[in-house]
Amino acid sequence: MRFGILLAAASATLVVGLVLQPVVLRALTAASILDVPSSRSSHRRPTPRGGGIAVVAAAATGLLVLPTTRALALPLVTFAAIGLAEDLRGEPVRARLLLQVVAGAGTVALLLPAGAAVPVAASLVAAVAVVGYVNAFNFMDGVDGISALSAIVAGGAYAAAGIWLDLPALAAGGALAAVAAATFLPWNLVHARVFLGDVGSYGLGGLIAALAVYGALRGVPVELVLAPLALYLADTGATLARRMHRREDWLRPHRTHVYQRLTDRGLSHAQVAAATAAASLALCALAALAVAGTPIGRLALDGAALAVLTGYLTSPSWVDRPARPTTLAGRPDA
């Protein structure tokens, strides 16, 4: 891939994201499309949601510029459309899940290498995995900056893997995902003026999941595929398992994710967002070292990655700050 056309795609992504975001914010405000404070939230005032429209438009623009990444634009836009419908009018859980499964299956089918034959069962597992990650990304979008920073880390990790393994579409797709996410930071990192909304969290989650599927189908080592996804999946999976173990109604709204419990322990949104991004970055670095090392070293580094995840999942218990009530008003986490 020529550097010039990649630079043009990244520039288009950056310009569209930065220029479109204030326009989208004004439109959302005028239409009163707001996240209203609730007991499971981490914010104190109603705030426009749907800023992900600009992020998705930015990413799609860049992806469509490059012939090698155009296929990645479809899962981005498809999942974003499902999220937009939820933002605007709400969708029944079953209908939304069915649409997600169809989109996940389409993503896997679209990204298959030419002439490749993948067993139906494996394709179904991959489709369910895509849906699982998209929902995990949505559930984790609950404090300022967390999703944009996480998408930057994930996109950058896949870009690096693509460069290393000579997979131009993975490299370019990851880079454009990171640039698109970065355009949202000025509006959301500190004292958020707008939230991604489901359109943004579904769209970015769908794009990152598509990058993972693309890499997995082309033989990218499992550590490099999973590392950018691991923290969000671990937090969501552990939270779900804990709630089911306690026989709670796990479909009901809650605020018991690790990142929410950290804010309840007194950490700021910026601190929590930075901590999750740093942990994800550490996981990606360990994955790269593991793949490049000896078999014994690989096992040791994989163990270190598990230790990082364990440390993150248990971190609320060792944050030495008083817990504060979980009745703050603000944006829901899902």
Protein backbone atom coordinates (compact mmCIF):
# COMPACT_ATOMS: atom_id res chain seq x y z
CA MET A 1 0.00 0.00 0.00
CA ARG A 2 1.31 3.42 -0.93
CA PHE A 3 1.89 5.71 2.01
CA GLY A 4 0.37 8.67 0.16
CA ILE A 5 -3.10 7.16 -0.20
CA LEU A 6 -3.05 5.96 3.42
CA LEU A 7 -2.14 9.48 4.53
CA ALA A 8 -5.00 10.83 2.43
CA ALA A 9 -7.43 8.38 4.03
CA ALA A 10 -6.23 9.26 7.54
CA SER A 11 -6.47 12.98 6.75
CA ALA A 12 -10.01 12.57 5.45
CA THR A 13 -10.93 10.67 8.61
CA LEU A 14 -9.45 13.38 10.83
CA VAL A 15 -11.10 16.27 8.99
CA VAL A 16 -14.54 14.66 8.83
CA GLY A 17 -14.46 13.77 12.51
CA LEU A 18 -13.35 17.17 13.72
CA VAL A 19 -15.59 19.20 11.42
CA LEU A 20 -18.72 17.07 11.76
CA GLN A 21 -18.72 16.65 15.55
CA PRO A 22 -19.84 20.22 16.44
CA VAL A 23 -22.54 19.98 13.77
CA VAL A 24 -23.80 16.72 15.21
CA LEU A 25 -23.69 18.15 18.73
CA ARG A 26 -25.86 21.12 17.73
CA ALA A 27 -28.35 18.82 16.00
CA LEU A 28 -28.58 16.47 18.98
CA THR A 29 -29.07 19.39 21.35
CA ALA A 30 -31.75 20.92 19.18
CA ALA A 31 -33.56 17.58 18.95
CA SER A 32 -33.21 16.99 22.72
CA ILE A 33 -31.61 13.60 22.18
CA LEU A 34 -30.19 13.29 25.67
CA ASP A 35 -28.96 10.73 28.14
CA VAL A 36 -31.01 11.47 31.24
CA PRO A 37 -29.49 10.86 34.71
CA SER A 38 -30.26 7.52 36.35
CA SER A 39 -29.11 5.52 39.37
CA ARG A 40 -26.73 3.35 37.33
CA SER A 41 -24.91 6.30 35.83
CA SER A 42 -21.57 7.98 36.31
CA HIS A 43 -22.62 11.46 35.23
CA ARG A 44 -24.58 14.25 36.90
CA ARG A 45 -26.46 16.06 34.17
CA PRO A 46 -28.40 15.28 30.99
CA THR A 47 -25.99 15.23 28.06
CA PRO A 48 -26.53 14.82 24.30
CA ARG A 49 -25.91 11.29 23.07
CA GLY A 50 -25.17 10.27 19.50
CA GLY A 51 -21.80 11.91 18.96
CA GLY A 52 -20.73 8.59 17.53
CA ILE A 53 -22.44 9.63 14.29
CA ALA A 54 -19.47 11.85 13.52
CA VAL A 55 -16.98 9.17 14.59
CA VAL A 56 -18.62 6.53 12.40
CA ALA A 57 -18.82 8.93 9.45
CA ALA A 58 -15.14 9.76 9.88
CA ALA A 59 -14.07 6.13 10.04
CA ALA A 60 -16.27 5.16 7.10
CA THR A 61 -14.85 7.98 4.99
CA GLY A 62 -11.30 6.82 5.54
CA LEU A 63 -12.12 3.14 5.04
CA LEU A 64 -13.90 3.83 1.75
CA VAL A 65 -10.94 5.79 0.39
CA LEU A 66 -8.78 2.66 0.42
CA PRO A 67 -9.82 -0.30 -1.76
CA THR A 68 -8.26 -2.73 0.73
CA THR A 69 -10.39 -1.54 3.67
CA ARG A 70 -13.78 -1.00 2.04
CA ALA A 71 -15.10 -4.32 3.33
CA LEU A 72 -14.46 -3.13 6.90
CA ALA A 73 -16.82 -0.19 6.39
CA LEU A 74 -19.87 -2.48 6.18
CA PRO A 75 -19.76 -3.90 9.73
CA LEU A 76 -18.95 -0.42 11.03
CA VAL A 77 -21.98 1.13 9.38
CA THR A 78 -24.30 -1.84 9.95
CA PHE A 79 -23.72 -2.02 13.69
CA ALA A 80 -23.85 1.77 13.91
CA ALA A 81 -27.26 1.76 12.23
CA ILE A 82 -28.56 -0.71 14.82
CA GLY A 83 -27.24 1.54 17.56
CA LEU A 84 -28.73 4.65 15.97
CA ALA A 85 -32.17 3.04 15.95
CA GLU A 86 -31.74 2.34 19.67
CA ASP A 87 -30.65 5.93 20.33
CA LEU A 88 -33.57 7.46 18.46
CA ARG A 89 -36.51 5.29 19.40
CA GLY A 90 -35.34 2.26 21.37
CA GLU A 91 -35.55 -1.31 20.15
CA PRO A 92 -36.78 -4.45 21.97
CA VAL A 93 -33.86 -6.49 23.27
CA ARG A 94 -34.73 -9.55 21.19
CA ALA A 95 -35.10 -7.59 17.97
CA ARG A 96 -31.83 -5.76 18.61
CA LEU A 97 -30.02 -9.00 19.37
CA LEU A 98 -31.37 -10.66 16.22
CA LEU A 99 -30.16 -7.75 14.10
CA GLN A 100 -26.76 -7.96 15.77
CA VAL A 101 -26.46 -11.69 15.08
CA VAL A 102 -27.31 -11.13 11.42
CA ALA A 103 -24.74 -8.32 11.25
CA GLY A 104 -22.15 -10.52 12.99
CA ALA A 105 -22.73 -13.39 10.56
CA GLY A 106 -22.49 -10.98 7.65
CA THR A 107 -19.22 -9.63 9.01
CA VAL A 108 -17.65 -13.07 9.16
CA ALA A 109 -18.88 -14.01 5.68
CA LEU A 110 -17.69 -10.72 4.19
CA LEU A 111 -14.19 -10.97 5.62
CA LEU A 112 -13.45 -14.56 4.60
CA PRO A 113 -10.35 -14.79 2.41
CA ALA A 114 -11.08 -15.55 -1.22
CA GLY A 115 -11.56 -19.28 -1.71
CA ALA A 116 -11.43 -20.03 2.00
CA ALA A 117 -13.80 -22.59 3.48
CA VAL A 118 -14.68 -22.21 7.15
CA PRO A 119 -16.91 -24.78 8.92
CA VAL A 120 -20.42 -23.53 9.63
CA ALA A 121 -19.99 -24.10 13.36
CA ALA A 122 -16.81 -22.02 13.41
CA SER A 123 -18.55 -19.25 11.48
CA LEU A 124 -21.42 -19.21 13.97
CA VAL A 125 -19.01 -19.06 16.90
CA ALA A 126 -17.20 -16.16 15.24
CA ALA A 127 -20.49 -14.34 14.62
CA VAL A 128 -21.53 -14.76 18.26
CA ALA A 129 -18.09 -13.55 19.34
CA VAL A 130 -18.54 -10.40 17.23
CA VAL A 131 -21.91 -9.73 18.85
CA GLY A 132 -20.47 -10.39 22.29
CA TYR A 133 -17.68 -7.88 21.82
CA VAL A 134 -19.95 -5.21 20.35
CA ASN A 135 -22.17 -5.45 23.42
CA ALA A 136 -19.17 -5.50 25.75
CA PHE A 137 -17.90 -2.30 24.11
CA ASN A 138 -21.31 -0.74 24.62
CA PHE A 139 -21.53 -1.81 28.27
CA MET A 140 -18.08 -0.39 28.97
CA ASP A 141 -18.92 3.01 27.50
CA GLY A 142 -19.78 4.60 30.83
CA VAL A 143 -17.15 7.18 31.82
CA ASP A 144 -15.59 10.07 29.94
CA GLY A 145 -12.94 9.07 27.44
CA ILE A 146 -12.92 5.34 28.12
CA SER A 147 -14.22 4.18 24.74
CA ALA A 148 -12.22 6.59 22.61
CA LEU A 149 -8.97 5.72 24.42
CA SER A 150 -9.70 2.00 24.24
CA ALA A 151 -10.45 2.22 20.52
CA ILE A 152 -7.21 4.13 19.95
CA VAL A 153 -5.25 1.38 21.72
CA ALA A 154 -7.07 -1.41 19.88
CA GLY A 155 -6.78 0.27 16.49
CA GLY A 156 -3.12 1.02 17.06
CA ALA A 157 -2.45 -2.57 18.12
CA TYR A 158 -4.08 -4.00 15.00
CA ALA A 159 -2.26 -1.45 12.85
CA ALA A 160 1.06 -2.55 14.36
CA ALA A 161 0.18 -6.22 13.86
CA GLY A 162 -0.76 -5.54 10.25
CA ILE A 163 2.55 -3.80 9.57
CA TRP A 164 4.50 -6.57 11.31
CA LEU A 165 2.73 -9.42 9.49
CA ASP A 166 2.39 -7.66 6.13
CA LEU A 167 -1.41 -7.39 6.19
CA PRO A 168 -2.06 -3.95 4.67
CA ALA A 169 -5.82 -3.95 5.24
CA LEU A 170 -5.38 -4.77 8.93
CA ALA A 171 -2.71 -2.08 9.27
CA ALA A 172 -4.76 0.58 7.52
CA GLY A 173 -8.06 -0.39 9.14
CA GLY A 174 -6.55 -0.27 12.61
CA ALA A 175 -4.91 3.08 11.97
CA LEU A 176 -8.13 4.63 10.66
CA ALA A 177 -10.11 3.28 13.63
CA ALA A 178 -7.60 4.93 15.97
CA VAL A 179 -7.74 8.26 14.11
CA ALA A 180 -11.54 8.28 14.07
CA ALA A 181 -11.69 7.56 17.81
CA ALA A 182 -9.13 10.31 18.49
CA THR A 183 -11.43 12.91 16.91
CA PHE A 184 -13.92 12.29 19.73
CA LEU A 185 -11.51 12.96 22.59
CA PRO A 186 -11.79 16.78 22.54
CA TRP A 187 -15.52 16.44 23.14
CA ASN A 188 -15.56 13.61 25.63
CA LEU A 189 -12.31 13.13 27.54
CA VAL A 190 -12.81 15.75 30.25
CA HIS A 191 -16.24 17.10 31.28
CA ALA A 192 -17.96 15.40 28.36
CA ARG A 193 -20.11 17.63 26.18
CA VAL A 194 -21.48 14.72 24.17
CA PHE A 195 -21.58 10.93 24.46
CA LEU A 196 -20.98 8.35 21.75
CA GLY A 197 -24.42 6.83 22.18
CA ASP A 198 -25.20 3.34 20.94
CA VAL A 199 -24.51 4.48 17.38
CA GLY A 200 -20.90 5.14 18.32
CA SER A 201 -20.28 2.27 20.72
CA TYR A 202 -21.89 -0.27 18.39
CA GLY A 203 -20.09 1.18 15.38
CA LEU A 204 -16.63 1.29 16.95
CA GLY A 205 -17.20 -2.08 18.62
CA GLY A 206 -18.24 -3.55 15.28
CA LEU A 207 -15.18 -2.16 13.52
CA ILE A 208 -12.75 -3.43 16.17
CA ALA A 209 -14.44 -6.85 16.15
CA ALA A 210 -14.20 -6.90 12.34
CA LEU A 211 -10.47 -6.18 12.55
CA ALA A 212 -10.11 -9.09 14.97
CA VAL A 213 -12.04 -11.42 12.66
CA TYR A 214 -10.03 -10.27 9.65
CA GLY A 215 -6.79 -11.00 11.45
CA ALA A 216 -7.92 -14.34 12.87
CA LEU A 217 -9.02 -15.55 9.43
CA ARG A 218 -5.57 -14.74 8.07
CA GLY A 219 -3.57 -16.53 10.69
CA VAL A 220 -2.64 -13.69 13.02
CA PRO A 221 -1.44 -15.28 16.30
CA VAL A 222 -4.19 -15.60 18.87
CA GLU A 223 -2.49 -13.30 21.38
CA LEU A 224 -2.38 -10.44 18.88
CA VAL A 225 -6.03 -11.00 17.97
CA LEU A 226 -7.33 -11.18 21.54
CA ALA A 227 -5.16 -8.68 23.41
CA PRO A 228 -6.99 -5.55 22.17
CA LEU A 229 -10.33 -7.13 23.12
CA ALA A 230 -9.35 -8.80 26.36
CA LEU A 231 -9.96 -6.14 29.00
CA TYR A 232 -13.48 -5.23 27.84
CA LEU A 233 -14.42 -8.90 27.49
CA ALA A 234 -12.95 -9.74 30.90
CA ASP A 235 -14.75 -6.90 32.69
CA THR A 236 -18.08 -7.69 31.03
CA GLY A 237 -17.73 -11.45 31.41
CA ALA A 238 -16.68 -11.31 35.05
CA THR A 239 -19.49 -8.89 35.86
CA LEU A 240 -22.06 -11.11 34.19
CA ALA A 241 -20.75 -14.24 35.91
CA ARG A 242 -20.78 -12.52 39.31
CA ARG A 243 -24.35 -11.33 38.87
CA MET A 244 -25.55 -14.74 37.73
CA HIS A 245 -23.75 -16.40 40.67
CA ARG A 246 -25.62 -14.06 43.01
CA ARG A 247 -28.85 -14.97 41.21
CA GLU A 248 -29.45 -11.38 40.23
CA ASP A 249 -31.57 -10.52 37.22
CA TRP A 250 -28.60 -9.96 34.92
CA LEU A 251 -30.76 -8.21 32.30
CA ARG A 252 -31.59 -5.39 34.72
CA PRO A 253 -29.56 -2.15 34.69
CA HIS A 254 -26.68 -2.02 37.14
CA ARG A 255 -23.37 -0.32 37.85
CA THR A 256 -21.13 -3.15 38.99
CA HIS A 257 -18.56 -3.22 36.19
CA VAL A 258 -15.01 -2.85 37.44
CA TYR A 259 -14.65 0.61 35.93
CA GLN A 260 -17.87 1.76 37.65
CA ARG A 261 -16.76 0.38 40.99
CA LEU A 262 -13.48 2.26 40.58
CA THR A 263 -15.35 5.54 40.14
CA ASP A 264 -17.42 4.65 43.21
CA ARG A 265 -14.14 4.27 45.10
CA GLY A 266 -13.34 7.87 44.28
CA LEU A 267 -11.25 7.72 41.11
CA SER A 268 -12.02 10.34 38.49
CA HIS A 269 -13.30 9.51 35.02
CA ALA A 270 -9.94 10.48 33.55
CA GLN A 271 -8.08 8.23 35.97
CA VAL A 272 -10.32 5.25 35.22
CA ALA A 273 -10.18 5.81 31.46
CA ALA A 274 -6.40 6.12 31.59
CA ALA A 275 -6.06 3.01 33.75
CA THR A 276 -8.14 0.86 31.40
CA ALA A 277 -6.24 2.15 28.36
CA ALA A 278 -2.90 1.53 30.09
CA ALA A 279 -3.92 -2.01 31.03
CA SER A 280 -5.03 -2.71 27.46
CA LEU A 281 -1.78 -1.29 26.12
CA ALA A 282 0.17 -3.53 28.50
CA LEU A 283 -1.79 -6.56 27.28
CA CYS A 284 -1.02 -5.68 23.65
CA ALA A 285 2.69 -5.22 24.42
CA LEU A 286 2.84 -8.55 26.25
CA ALA A 287 1.11 -10.24 23.32
CA ALA A 288 3.67 -8.87 20.87
CA LEU A 289 6.57 -10.00 23.07
CA ALA A 290 4.98 -13.43 23.52
CA VAL A 291 4.60 -14.00 19.79
CA ALA A 292 8.16 -12.86 19.11
CA GLY A 293 9.70 -14.98 21.86
CA THR A 294 10.49 -18.63 22.55
CA PRO A 295 7.75 -21.16 23.43
CA ILE A 296 8.69 -21.04 27.12
CA GLY A 297 8.88 -17.27 27.07
CA ARG A 298 5.53 -17.19 25.31
CA LEU A 299 3.90 -19.16 28.11
CA ALA A 300 5.45 -16.88 30.70
CA LEU A 301 4.27 -13.73 28.93
CA ASP A 302 0.79 -15.16 28.42
CA GLY A 303 0.76 -15.76 32.18
CA ALA A 304 1.82 -12.17 32.74
CA ALA A 305 -1.10 -11.02 30.58
CA LEU A 306 -3.47 -13.07 32.74
CA ALA A 307 -1.93 -11.42 35.81
CA VAL A 308 -2.64 -7.97 34.32
CA LEU A 309 -6.27 -8.93 33.73
CA THR A 310 -6.56 -10.34 37.24
CA GLY A 311 -5.08 -7.18 38.67
CA TYR A 312 -7.59 -5.07 36.77
CA LEU A 313 -10.56 -7.22 37.80
CA THR A 314 -9.59 -7.08 41.48
CA SER A 315 -8.48 -3.44 41.49
CA PRO A 316 -11.61 -2.04 43.21
CA SER A 317 -10.72 -4.05 46.32
CA TRP A 318 -7.29 -2.48 46.66
CA VAL A 319 -8.04 1.12 45.72
CA ASP A 320 -7.51 2.83 49.07
CA ARG A 321 -10.30 5.37 48.85
CA PRO A 322 -13.71 5.46 50.52
CA ALA A 323 -16.56 4.13 48.46
CA ARG A 324 -19.12 6.69 47.49
CA PRO A 325 -22.83 6.07 46.87
CA THR A 326 -23.84 4.47 43.59
CA THR A 327 -26.74 6.84 43.01
CA LEU A 328 -24.92 9.47 41.00
CA ALA A 329 -26.96 10.92 38.21
CA GLY A 330 -25.78 10.85 34.64
CA ARG A 331 -25.39 8.57 31.70
CA PRO A 332 -26.27 4.87 31.75
CA ASP A 333 -23.39 2.53 31.00
CA ALA A 334 -25.26 0.70 28.26
